[in-house]
Amino acid sequence: RWPLAAGLVLALVCGTGGFFAVRGGLVPVLG
């Protein structure tokens, strides 16, 4: 079950990083 757990952790880290990048203004949002 190691690949499944690693995939979930990676998705959680990337999602959190993307959220803070957009919220902090590092990535412009269309509209």
PDB file of all heavy atoms in Angstrom:
ATOM      1  N   ARG A   1       0.823  -1.207   0.000  1.00  0.00           N
ATOM      2  CA  ARG A   1       0.000   0.000   0.000  1.00  0.00           C
ATOM      3  C   ARG A   1       0.855   1.255   0.000  1.00  0.00           C
ATOM      4  O   ARG A   1       0.351   2.353   0.086  1.00  0.00           O
ATOM      5  CB  ARG A   1      -0.920  -0.005   1.208  1.00  0.00           C
ATOM      6  CG  ARG A   1      -1.910  -1.128   1.107  1.00  0.00           C
ATOM      7  CD  ARG A   1      -2.992  -0.985   2.085  1.00  0.00           C
ATOM      8  NE  ARG A   1      -3.906  -2.107   1.912  1.00  0.00           N
ATOM      9  CZ  ARG A   1      -4.891  -2.375   2.690  1.00  0.00           C
ATOM     10  NH1 ARG A   1      -5.110  -1.620   3.727  1.00  0.00           N
ATOM     11  NH2 ARG A   1      -5.666  -3.394   2.466  1.00  0.00           N
ATOM     12  N   TRP A   2       2.126   1.083  -0.093  1.00  0.00           N
ATOM     13  CA  TRP A   2       3.067   2.201  -0.086  1.00  0.00           C
ATOM     14  C   TRP A   2       2.818   3.171  -1.244  1.00  0.00           C
ATOM     15  O   TRP A   2       2.751   4.387  -1.007  1.00  0.00           O
ATOM     16  CB  TRP A   2       4.497   1.655  -0.091  1.00  0.00           C
ATOM     17  CG  TRP A   2       5.526   2.696  -0.347  1.00  0.00           C
ATOM     18  CD1 TRP A   2       6.323   2.803  -1.420  1.00  0.00           C
ATOM     19  CD2 TRP A   2       5.852   3.813   0.474  1.00  0.00           C
ATOM     20  NE1 TRP A   2       7.128   3.899  -1.332  1.00  0.00           N
ATOM     21  CE2 TRP A   2       6.837   4.551  -0.160  1.00  0.00           C
ATOM     22  CE3 TRP A   2       5.373   4.281   1.698  1.00  0.00           C
ATOM     23  CZ2 TRP A   2       7.393   5.702   0.362  1.00  0.00           C
ATOM     24  CZ3 TRP A   2       5.925   5.429   2.220  1.00  0.00           C
ATOM     25  CH2 TRP A   2       6.924   6.123   1.556  1.00  0.00           C
ATOM     26  N   PRO A   3       2.638   2.738  -2.529  1.00  0.00           N
ATOM     27  CA  PRO A   3       2.401   3.702  -3.620  1.00  0.00           C
ATOM     28  C   PRO A   3       1.113   4.512  -3.425  1.00  0.00           C
ATOM     29  O   PRO A   3       1.076   5.702  -3.732  1.00  0.00           O
ATOM     30  CB  PRO A   3       2.317   2.831  -4.866  1.00  0.00           C
ATOM     31  CG  PRO A   3       3.053   1.585  -4.523  1.00  0.00           C
ATOM     32  CD  PRO A   3       2.830   1.381  -3.055  1.00  0.00           C
ATOM     33  N   LEU A   4       0.061   3.892  -2.916  1.00  0.00           N
ATOM     34  CA  LEU A   4      -1.195   4.606  -2.686  1.00  0.00           C
ATOM     35  C   LEU A   4      -1.013   5.685  -1.619  1.00  0.00           C
ATOM     36  O   LEU A   4      -1.455   6.836  -1.796  1.00  0.00           O
ATOM     37  CB  LEU A   4      -2.289   3.630  -2.262  1.00  0.00           C
ATOM     38  CG  LEU A   4      -3.650   4.236  -1.948  1.00  0.00           C
ATOM     39  CD1 LEU A   4      -4.230   4.893  -3.186  1.00  0.00           C
ATOM     40  CD2 LEU A   4      -4.591   3.188  -1.397  1.00  0.00           C
ATOM     41  N   ALA A   5      -0.347   5.345  -0.535  1.00  0.00           N
ATOM     42  CA  ALA A   5      -0.119   6.310   0.532  1.00  0.00           C
ATOM     43  C   ALA A   5       0.778   7.453   0.057  1.00  0.00           C
ATOM     44  O   ALA A   5       0.520   8.634   0.354  1.00  0.00           O
ATOM     45  CB  ALA A   5       0.500   5.620   1.749  1.00  0.00           C
ATOM     46  N   ALA A   6       1.819   7.128  -0.713  1.00  0.00           N
ATOM     47  CA  ALA A   6       2.714   8.162  -1.225  1.00  0.00           C
ATOM     48  C   ALA A   6       1.966   9.091  -2.182  1.00  0.00           C
ATOM     49  O   ALA A   6       2.164  10.315  -2.176  1.00  0.00           O
ATOM     50  CB  ALA A   6       3.918   7.528  -1.922  1.00  0.00           C
ATOM     51  N   GLY A   7       1.080   8.554  -3.007  1.00  0.00           N
ATOM     52  CA  GLY A   7       0.293   9.370  -3.939  1.00  0.00           C
ATOM     53  C   GLY A   7      -0.640  10.317  -3.217  1.00  0.00           C
ATOM     54  O   GLY A   7      -0.791  11.482  -3.603  1.00  0.00           O
ATOM     55  N   LEU A   8      -1.296   9.832  -2.162  1.00  0.00           N
ATOM     56  CA  LEU A   8      -2.194  10.691  -1.390  1.00  0.00           C
ATOM     57  C   LEU A   8      -1.443  11.816  -0.691  1.00  0.00           C
ATOM     58  O   LEU A   8      -1.896  12.970  -0.675  1.00  0.00           O
ATOM     59  CB  LEU A   8      -2.964   9.860  -0.363  1.00  0.00           C
ATOM     60  CG  LEU A   8      -4.053   8.955  -0.937  1.00  0.00           C
ATOM     61  CD1 LEU A   8      -4.623   8.057   0.160  1.00  0.00           C
ATOM     62  CD2 LEU A   8      -5.140   9.786  -1.568  1.00  0.00           C
ATOM     63  N   VAL A   9      -0.292  11.494  -0.113  1.00  0.00           N
ATOM     64  CA  VAL A   9       0.500  12.526   0.566  1.00  0.00           C
ATOM     65  C   VAL A   9       0.991  13.558  -0.442  1.00  0.00           C
ATOM     66  O   VAL A   9       0.940  14.771  -0.195  1.00  0.00           O
ATOM     67  CB  VAL A   9       1.677  11.883   1.349  1.00  0.00           C
ATOM     68  CG1 VAL A   9       2.657  12.942   1.824  1.00  0.00           C
ATOM     69  CG2 VAL A   9       1.153  11.070   2.510  1.00  0.00           C
ATOM     70  N   LEU A  10       1.457  13.099  -1.614  1.00  0.00           N
ATOM     71  CA  LEU A  10       1.942  14.016  -2.649  1.00  0.00           C
ATOM     72  C   LEU A  10       0.813  14.935  -3.149  1.00  0.00           C
ATOM     73  O   LEU A  10       1.021  16.130  -3.335  1.00  0.00           O
ATOM     74  CB  LEU A  10       2.546  13.224  -3.804  1.00  0.00           C
ATOM     75  CG  LEU A  10       3.203  14.025  -4.906  1.00  0.00           C
ATOM     76  CD1 LEU A  10       4.387  14.819  -4.350  1.00  0.00           C
ATOM     77  CD2 LEU A  10       3.660  13.111  -6.026  1.00  0.00           C
ATOM     78  N   ALA A  11      -0.387  14.375  -3.353  1.00  0.00           N
ATOM     79  CA  ALA A  11      -1.528  15.184  -3.793  1.00  0.00           C
ATOM     80  C   ALA A  11      -1.888  16.228  -2.736  1.00  0.00           C
ATOM     81  O   ALA A  11      -2.201  17.380  -3.068  1.00  0.00           O
ATOM     82  CB  ALA A  11      -2.731  14.291  -4.089  1.00  0.00           C
ATOM     83  N   LEU A  12      -1.859  15.848  -1.485  1.00  0.00           N
ATOM     84  CA  LEU A  12      -2.171  16.776  -0.411  1.00  0.00           C
ATOM     85  C   LEU A  12      -1.153  17.914  -0.340  1.00  0.00           C
ATOM     86  O   LEU A  12      -1.520  19.096  -0.211  1.00  0.00           O
ATOM     87  CB  LEU A  12      -2.227  16.031   0.935  1.00  0.00           C
ATOM     88  CG  LEU A  12      -2.629  16.848   2.145  1.00  0.00           C
ATOM     89  CD1 LEU A  12      -4.049  17.368   1.977  1.00  0.00           C
ATOM     90  CD2 LEU A  12      -2.505  16.026   3.411  1.00  0.00           C
ATOM     91  N   VAL A  13       0.125  17.589  -0.482  1.00  0.00           N
ATOM     92  CA  VAL A  13       1.180  18.612  -0.432  1.00  0.00           C
ATOM     93  C   VAL A  13       1.070  19.553  -1.632  1.00  0.00           C
ATOM     94  O   VAL A  13       1.156  20.781  -1.493  1.00  0.00           O
ATOM     95  CB  VAL A  13       2.575  17.940  -0.367  1.00  0.00           C
ATOM     96  CG1 VAL A  13       3.673  18.949  -0.621  1.00  0.00           C
ATOM     97  CG2 VAL A  13       2.765  17.248   0.962  1.00  0.00           C
ATOM     98  N   CYS A  14       0.852  19.002  -2.826  1.00  0.00           N
ATOM     99  CA  CYS A  14       0.747  19.855  -4.023  1.00  0.00           C
ATOM    100  C   CYS A  14      -0.497  20.744  -3.973  1.00  0.00           C
ATOM    101  O   CYS A  14      -0.453  21.911  -4.350  1.00  0.00           O
ATOM    102  CB  CYS A  14       0.726  18.984  -5.279  1.00  0.00           C
ATOM    103  SG  CYS A  14       2.315  18.237  -5.659  1.00  0.00           S
ATOM    104  N   GLY A  15      -1.605  20.196  -3.505  1.00  0.00           N
ATOM    105  CA  GLY A  15      -2.831  20.989  -3.394  1.00  0.00           C
ATOM    106  C   GLY A  15      -2.674  22.135  -2.410  1.00  0.00           C
ATOM    107  O   GLY A  15      -3.105  23.268  -2.672  1.00  0.00           O
ATOM    108  N   THR A  16      -2.061  21.858  -1.288  1.00  0.00           N
ATOM    109  CA  THR A  16      -1.835  22.901  -0.289  1.00  0.00           C
ATOM    110  C   THR A  16      -0.889  23.972  -0.812  1.00  0.00           C
ATOM    111  O   THR A  16      -1.129  25.172  -0.641  1.00  0.00           O
ATOM    112  CB  THR A  16      -1.255  22.279   1.008  1.00  0.00           C
ATOM    113  OG1 THR A  16      -2.137  21.246   1.451  1.00  0.00           O
ATOM    114  CG2 THR A  16      -1.090  23.322   2.090  1.00  0.00           C
ATOM    115  N   GLY A  17       0.173  23.535  -1.491  1.00  0.00           N
ATOM    116  CA  GLY A  17       1.120  24.500  -2.067  1.00  0.00           C
ATOM    117  C   GLY A  17       0.472  25.365  -3.131  1.00  0.00           C
ATOM    118  O   GLY A  17       0.700  26.576  -3.202  1.00  0.00           O
ATOM    119  N   GLY A  18      -0.368  24.769  -3.968  1.00  0.00           N
ATOM    120  CA  GLY A  18      -1.070  25.535  -4.994  1.00  0.00           C
ATOM    121  C   GLY A  18      -2.022  26.546  -4.404  1.00  0.00           C
ATOM    122  O   GLY A  18      -2.135  27.679  -4.872  1.00  0.00           O
ATOM    123  N   PHE A  19      -2.732  26.143  -3.344  1.00  0.00           N
ATOM    124  CA  PHE A  19      -3.660  27.056  -2.686  1.00  0.00           C
ATOM    125  C   PHE A  19      -2.932  28.288  -2.153  1.00  0.00           C
ATOM    126  O   PHE A  19      -3.346  29.421  -2.376  1.00  0.00           O
ATOM    127  CB  PHE A  19      -4.376  26.326  -1.540  1.00  0.00           C
ATOM    128  CG  PHE A  19      -5.175  27.236  -0.656  1.00  0.00           C
ATOM    129  CD1 PHE A  19      -6.397  27.725  -1.079  1.00  0.00           C
ATOM    130  CD2 PHE A  19      -4.700  27.627   0.583  1.00  0.00           C
ATOM    131  CE1 PHE A  19      -7.133  28.569  -0.279  1.00  0.00           C
ATOM    132  CE2 PHE A  19      -5.434  28.471   1.401  1.00  0.00           C
ATOM    133  CZ  PHE A  19      -6.661  28.938   0.962  1.00  0.00           C
ATOM    134  N   PHE A  20      -1.818  28.055  -1.439  1.00  0.00           N
ATOM    135  CA  PHE A  20      -1.097  29.176  -0.861  1.00  0.00           C
ATOM    136  C   PHE A  20      -0.388  30.025  -1.918  1.00  0.00           C
ATOM    137  O   PHE A  20      -0.227  31.228  -1.745  1.00  0.00           O
ATOM    138  CB  PHE A  20      -0.109  28.695   0.210  1.00  0.00           C
ATOM    139  CG  PHE A  20      -0.798  28.324   1.488  1.00  0.00           C
ATOM    140  CD1 PHE A  20      -0.857  27.016   1.907  1.00  0.00           C
ATOM    141  CD2 PHE A  20      -1.425  29.291   2.252  1.00  0.00           C
ATOM    142  CE1 PHE A  20      -1.507  26.667   3.074  1.00  0.00           C
ATOM    143  CE2 PHE A  20      -2.082  28.956   3.432  1.00  0.00           C
ATOM    144  CZ  PHE A  20      -2.122  27.644   3.842  1.00  0.00           C
ATOM    145  N   ALA A  21      -0.009  29.417  -3.043  1.00  0.00           N
ATOM    146  CA  ALA A  21       0.613  30.185  -4.123  1.00  0.00           C
ATOM    147  C   ALA A  21      -0.397  31.144  -4.752  1.00  0.00           C
ATOM    148  O   ALA A  21      -0.094  32.304  -5.030  1.00  0.00           O
ATOM    149  CB  ALA A  21       1.191  29.254  -5.183  1.00  0.00           C
ATOM    150  N   VAL A  22      -1.621  30.684  -4.975  1.00  0.00           N
ATOM    151  CA  VAL A  22      -2.656  31.543  -5.554  1.00  0.00           C
ATOM    152  C   VAL A  22      -3.109  32.587  -4.540  1.00  0.00           C
ATOM    153  O   VAL A  22      -3.274  33.763  -4.867  1.00  0.00           O
ATOM    154  CB  VAL A  22      -3.854  30.692  -6.036  1.00  0.00           C
ATOM    155  CG1 VAL A  22      -5.035  31.576  -6.413  1.00  0.00           C
ATOM    156  CG2 VAL A  22      -3.455  29.838  -7.221  1.00  0.00           C
ATOM    157  N   ARG A  23      -3.298  32.173  -3.310  1.00  0.00           N
ATOM    158  CA  ARG A  23      -3.760  33.107  -2.284  1.00  0.00           C
ATOM    159  C   ARG A  23      -2.732  34.199  -1.993  1.00  0.00           C
ATOM    160  O   ARG A  23      -3.094  35.347  -1.727  1.00  0.00           O
ATOM    161  CB  ARG A  23      -4.076  32.355  -1.015  1.00  0.00           C
ATOM    162  CG  ARG A  23      -4.656  33.257   0.020  1.00  0.00           C
ATOM    163  CD  ARG A  23      -5.404  32.512   1.032  1.00  0.00           C
ATOM    164  NE  ARG A  23      -6.025  33.482   1.927  1.00  0.00           N
ATOM    165  CZ  ARG A  23      -6.666  33.170   2.985  1.00  0.00           C
ATOM    166  NH1 ARG A  23      -6.812  31.913   3.301  1.00  0.00           N
ATOM    167  NH2 ARG A  23      -7.188  34.095   3.744  1.00  0.00           N
ATOM    168  N   GLY A  24      -1.463  33.848  -2.061  1.00  0.00           N
ATOM    169  CA  GLY A  24      -0.410  34.820  -1.788  1.00  0.00           C
ATOM    170  C   GLY A  24      -0.100  35.724  -2.965  1.00  0.00           C
ATOM    171  O   GLY A  24       0.672  36.665  -2.853  1.00  0.00           O
ATOM    172  N   GLY A  25      -0.697  35.463  -4.127  1.00  0.00           N
ATOM    173  CA  GLY A  25      -0.480  36.313  -5.289  1.00  0.00           C
ATOM    174  C   GLY A  25       0.720  35.915  -6.128  1.00  0.00           C
ATOM    175  O   GLY A  25       1.109  36.645  -7.032  1.00  0.00           O
ATOM    176  N   LEU A  26       1.304  34.755  -5.858  1.00  0.00           N
ATOM    177  CA  LEU A  26       2.439  34.308  -6.663  1.00  0.00           C
ATOM    178  C   LEU A  26       2.003  33.875  -8.051  1.00  0.00           C
ATOM    179  O   LEU A  26       2.740  33.993  -9.018  1.00  0.00           O
ATOM    180  CB  LEU A  26       3.163  33.146  -5.964  1.00  0.00           C
ATOM    181  CG  LEU A  26       3.791  33.478  -4.612  1.00  0.00           C
ATOM    182  CD1 LEU A  26       4.317  32.212  -3.965  1.00  0.00           C
ATOM    183  CD2 LEU A  26       4.898  34.488  -4.795  1.00  0.00           C
ATOM    184  N   VAL A  27       0.785  33.372  -8.180  1.00  0.00           N
ATOM    185  CA  VAL A  27       0.233  32.909  -9.448  1.00  0.00           C
ATOM    186  C   VAL A  27      -0.987  33.760  -9.750  1.00  0.00           C
ATOM    187  O   VAL A  27      -1.931  33.781  -8.970  1.00  0.00           O
ATOM    188  CB  VAL A  27      -0.161  31.418  -9.358  1.00  0.00           C
ATOM    189  CG1 VAL A  27      -0.756  30.947 -10.661  1.00  0.00           C
ATOM    190  CG2 VAL A  27       1.040  30.574  -8.981  1.00  0.00           C
ATOM    191  N   PRO A  28      -0.997  34.485 -10.895  1.00  0.00           N
ATOM    192  CA  PRO A  28      -2.181  35.295 -11.214  1.00  0.00           C
ATOM    193  C   PRO A  28      -3.350  34.400 -11.595  1.00  0.00           C
ATOM    194  O   PRO A  28      -3.183  33.364 -12.223  1.00  0.00           O
ATOM    195  CB  PRO A  28      -1.725  36.142 -12.395  1.00  0.00           C
ATOM    196  CG  PRO A  28      -0.596  35.399 -12.993  1.00  0.00           C
ATOM    197  CD  PRO A  28       0.055  34.628 -11.882  1.00  0.00           C
ATOM    198  N   VAL A  29      -4.536  34.802 -11.195  1.00  0.00           N
ATOM    199  CA  VAL A  29      -5.743  34.047 -11.479  1.00  0.00           C
ATOM    200  C   VAL A  29      -6.494  34.764 -12.587  1.00  0.00           C
ATOM    201  O   VAL A  29      -6.682  35.985 -12.535  1.00  0.00           O
ATOM    202  CB  VAL A  29      -6.622  33.946 -10.209  1.00  0.00           C
ATOM    203  CG1 VAL A  29      -7.884  33.168 -10.494  1.00  0.00           C
ATOM    204  CG2 VAL A  29      -5.836  33.308  -9.096  1.00  0.00           C
ATOM    205  N   LEU A  30      -6.938  34.011 -13.604  1.00  0.00           N
ATOM    206  CA  LEU A  30      -7.715  34.618 -14.682  1.00  0.00           C
ATOM    207  C   LEU A  30      -9.037  35.121 -14.139  1.00  0.00           C
ATOM    208  O   LEU A  30      -9.702  34.452 -13.362  1.00  0.00           O
ATOM    209  CB  LEU A  30      -7.970  33.595 -15.786  1.00  0.00           C
ATOM    210  CG  LEU A  30      -6.734  33.119 -16.528  1.00  0.00           C
ATOM    211  CD1 LEU A  30      -7.135  32.067 -17.555  1.00  0.00           C
ATOM    212  CD2 LEU A  30      -6.060  34.278 -17.217  1.00  0.00           C
ATOM    213  N   GLY A  31      -9.414  36.307 -14.547  1.00  0.00           N
ATOM    214  CA  GLY A  31     -10.672  36.897 -14.115  1.00  0.00           C
ATOM    215  C   GLY A  31     -10.590  37.597 -12.782  1.00  0.00           C
ATOM    216  O   GLY A  31     -11.568  38.148 -12.322  1.00  0.00           O
TER     217      GLY A  31
END
